[in-house]
N, C-alpha and C. Protein backbone atom coordinates (compact mmCIF):
# COMPACT_ATOMS: atom_id res chain seq x y z
N UNK A 1 -3.93 -33.60 -23.45
CA UNK A 1 -3.90 -34.69 -24.40
C UNK A 1 -5.31 -35.22 -24.54
N UNK A 2 -5.83 -35.24 -25.69
CA UNK A 2 -7.21 -35.65 -25.92
C UNK A 2 -7.27 -37.11 -26.33
N UNK A 3 -8.35 -37.75 -25.95
CA UNK A 3 -8.51 -39.15 -26.32
C UNK A 3 -8.83 -39.25 -27.81
N UNK A 4 -8.41 -40.33 -28.46
CA UNK A 4 -8.65 -40.46 -29.90
C UNK A 4 -10.13 -40.51 -30.25
N UNK A 5 -10.94 -41.01 -29.35
CA UNK A 5 -12.37 -41.09 -29.64
C UNK A 5 -13.06 -39.75 -29.48
N UNK A 6 -12.39 -38.81 -28.85
CA UNK A 6 -12.98 -37.49 -28.66
C UNK A 6 -13.91 -37.43 -27.46
N UNK A 7 -13.84 -38.40 -26.58
CA UNK A 7 -14.69 -38.41 -25.39
C UNK A 7 -14.06 -37.50 -24.34
N UNK A 8 -14.69 -36.37 -24.01
CA UNK A 8 -14.09 -35.42 -23.08
C UNK A 8 -13.89 -36.00 -21.68
N UNK A 9 -14.68 -37.00 -21.29
CA UNK A 9 -14.51 -37.55 -19.95
C UNK A 9 -13.21 -38.32 -19.83
N UNK A 10 -12.63 -38.74 -20.94
CA UNK A 10 -11.36 -39.46 -20.91
C UNK A 10 -10.16 -38.52 -20.88
N UNK A 11 -10.37 -37.24 -21.16
CA UNK A 11 -9.26 -36.30 -21.25
C UNK A 11 -8.50 -36.20 -19.93
N UNK A 12 -9.20 -36.16 -18.81
CA UNK A 12 -8.52 -36.01 -17.53
C UNK A 12 -7.72 -37.26 -17.20
N UNK A 13 -8.13 -38.42 -17.66
CA UNK A 13 -7.40 -39.66 -17.39
C UNK A 13 -6.10 -39.70 -18.18
N UNK A 14 -6.06 -39.05 -19.33
CA UNK A 14 -4.89 -39.09 -20.18
C UNK A 14 -3.87 -38.02 -19.85
N UNK A 15 -4.21 -37.10 -18.95
CA UNK A 15 -3.32 -35.98 -18.64
C UNK A 15 -2.00 -36.42 -18.04
N UNK A 16 -2.04 -37.26 -17.01
CA UNK A 16 -0.82 -37.76 -16.38
C UNK A 16 -1.15 -39.06 -15.69
N UNK A 17 -0.40 -40.08 -16.02
CA UNK A 17 -0.69 -41.40 -15.46
C UNK A 17 -0.37 -41.48 -13.98
N UNK A 18 0.57 -40.65 -13.50
CA UNK A 18 0.96 -40.73 -12.10
C UNK A 18 0.14 -39.81 -11.20
N UNK A 19 -0.84 -39.12 -11.73
CA UNK A 19 -1.69 -38.25 -10.92
C UNK A 19 -1.10 -36.87 -10.69
N UNK A 20 0.00 -36.54 -11.35
CA UNK A 20 0.62 -35.24 -11.13
C UNK A 20 -0.23 -34.10 -11.67
N UNK A 21 -1.20 -34.40 -12.51
CA UNK A 21 -2.07 -33.34 -13.04
C UNK A 21 -2.86 -32.70 -11.91
N UNK A 22 -3.18 -33.48 -10.87
CA UNK A 22 -3.92 -32.92 -9.74
C UNK A 22 -3.07 -31.92 -8.97
N UNK A 23 -1.76 -32.08 -8.99
CA UNK A 23 -0.86 -31.21 -8.26
C UNK A 23 -0.37 -30.03 -9.09
N UNK A 24 -0.84 -29.90 -10.32
CA UNK A 24 -0.30 -28.89 -11.23
C UNK A 24 -0.88 -27.51 -11.02
N UNK A 25 -1.85 -27.35 -10.15
CA UNK A 25 -2.46 -26.06 -9.93
C UNK A 25 -3.82 -25.94 -10.57
N UNK A 26 -4.25 -26.96 -11.28
CA UNK A 26 -5.57 -26.90 -11.92
C UNK A 26 -6.67 -26.80 -10.88
N UNK A 27 -6.53 -27.55 -9.81
CA UNK A 27 -7.55 -27.49 -8.75
C UNK A 27 -7.54 -26.13 -8.07
N UNK A 28 -6.37 -25.58 -7.83
CA UNK A 28 -6.27 -24.26 -7.21
C UNK A 28 -6.87 -23.19 -8.11
N UNK A 29 -6.65 -23.31 -9.41
CA UNK A 29 -7.22 -22.34 -10.35
C UNK A 29 -8.74 -22.42 -10.35
N UNK A 30 -9.26 -23.64 -10.30
CA UNK A 30 -10.71 -23.82 -10.27
C UNK A 30 -11.28 -23.23 -8.99
N UNK A 31 -10.63 -23.50 -7.86
CA UNK A 31 -11.10 -22.96 -6.59
C UNK A 31 -11.03 -21.44 -6.59
N UNK A 32 -10.00 -20.87 -7.19
CA UNK A 32 -9.89 -19.42 -7.28
C UNK A 32 -11.01 -18.83 -8.11
N UNK A 33 -11.37 -19.50 -9.20
CA UNK A 33 -12.49 -19.03 -10.02
C UNK A 33 -13.80 -19.09 -9.29
N UNK A 34 -14.00 -20.15 -8.52
CA UNK A 34 -15.23 -20.29 -7.74
C UNK A 34 -15.31 -19.20 -6.68
N UNK A 35 -14.18 -18.94 -6.00
CA UNK A 35 -14.16 -17.89 -4.98
C UNK A 35 -14.43 -16.52 -5.60
N UNK A 36 -13.87 -16.25 -6.78
CA UNK A 36 -14.10 -14.97 -7.44
C UNK A 36 -15.56 -14.81 -7.83
N UNK A 37 -16.15 -15.87 -8.35
CA UNK A 37 -17.57 -15.83 -8.71
C UNK A 37 -18.44 -15.61 -7.48
N UNK A 38 -18.10 -16.25 -6.38
CA UNK A 38 -18.86 -16.08 -5.15
C UNK A 38 -18.77 -14.64 -4.65
N UNK A 39 -17.59 -14.04 -4.78
CA UNK A 39 -17.41 -12.65 -4.35
C UNK A 39 -18.24 -11.70 -5.20
N UNK A 40 -18.22 -11.89 -6.50
CA UNK A 40 -19.00 -11.03 -7.40
C UNK A 40 -20.49 -11.18 -7.11
N UNK A 41 -20.93 -12.41 -6.92
CA UNK A 41 -22.34 -12.65 -6.62
C UNK A 41 -22.74 -12.02 -5.30
N UNK A 42 -21.90 -12.18 -4.29
CA UNK A 42 -22.20 -11.61 -2.97
C UNK A 42 -22.27 -10.09 -3.05
N UNK A 43 -21.32 -9.47 -3.75
CA UNK A 43 -21.33 -8.01 -3.87
C UNK A 43 -22.54 -7.53 -4.65
N UNK A 44 -22.93 -8.24 -5.69
CA UNK A 44 -24.09 -7.84 -6.49
C UNK A 44 -25.37 -7.96 -5.68
N UNK A 45 -25.47 -8.99 -4.86
CA UNK A 45 -26.70 -9.20 -4.10
C UNK A 45 -26.87 -8.16 -3.01
N UNK A 46 -25.79 -7.55 -2.57
CA UNK A 46 -25.90 -6.50 -1.55
C UNK A 46 -26.57 -5.26 -2.10
N UNK A 47 -26.42 -5.03 -3.39
CA UNK A 47 -26.95 -3.82 -4.01
C UNK A 47 -28.23 -4.08 -4.79
N UNK A 48 -28.76 -5.26 -4.67
CA UNK A 48 -29.94 -5.64 -5.43
C UNK A 48 -31.19 -5.36 -4.62
N UNK A 49 -32.11 -4.64 -5.19
CA UNK A 49 -33.41 -4.47 -4.56
C UNK A 49 -34.45 -4.26 -5.64
N UNK A 50 -35.65 -4.60 -5.31
CA UNK A 50 -36.74 -4.50 -6.27
C UNK A 50 -37.29 -3.09 -6.29
N UNK A 51 -37.60 -2.62 -7.48
CA UNK A 51 -38.17 -1.29 -7.63
C UNK A 51 -39.69 -1.38 -7.69
N UNK A 52 -40.31 -0.40 -7.09
CA UNK A 52 -41.77 -0.30 -7.23
C UNK A 52 -42.07 0.28 -8.60
N UNK A 53 -43.30 0.25 -8.99
CA UNK A 53 -43.70 0.80 -10.29
C UNK A 53 -43.38 2.29 -10.36
N UNK A 54 -43.59 3.01 -9.27
CA UNK A 54 -43.29 4.45 -9.25
C UNK A 54 -41.79 4.71 -9.41
N UNK A 55 -40.96 3.90 -8.76
CA UNK A 55 -39.52 4.07 -8.88
C UNK A 55 -39.05 3.78 -10.30
N UNK A 56 -39.66 2.81 -10.94
CA UNK A 56 -39.30 2.49 -12.32
C UNK A 56 -39.63 3.66 -13.24
N UNK A 57 -40.77 4.28 -13.04
CA UNK A 57 -41.15 5.42 -13.88
C UNK A 57 -40.18 6.57 -13.69
N UNK A 58 -39.75 6.81 -12.47
CA UNK A 58 -38.83 7.91 -12.20
C UNK A 58 -37.45 7.62 -12.79
N UNK A 59 -36.98 6.39 -12.64
CA UNK A 59 -35.62 6.05 -13.08
C UNK A 59 -35.54 5.82 -14.58
N UNK A 60 -36.57 5.23 -15.17
CA UNK A 60 -36.50 4.86 -16.58
C UNK A 60 -37.51 5.65 -17.34
C-alpha cells in the first residue's frame, strides 16, 4: 500500500498497523538474498587473480 504523497519511506508504515508485515517473510527473503550475494561474491573472489602483461597477451 503506497502513501498518497508518494513518499517511499512511508510505504513500510502503511503495510500493516499491527506489525505483522515484519512476520510475513520479508525479512527472511532479504536475509536470503544477502546470503546468496555473499556466496556468489565469496566464490568469485576465490577464482580472482591479477594477470601479468605476458599472461594477458597469451590469453587475449
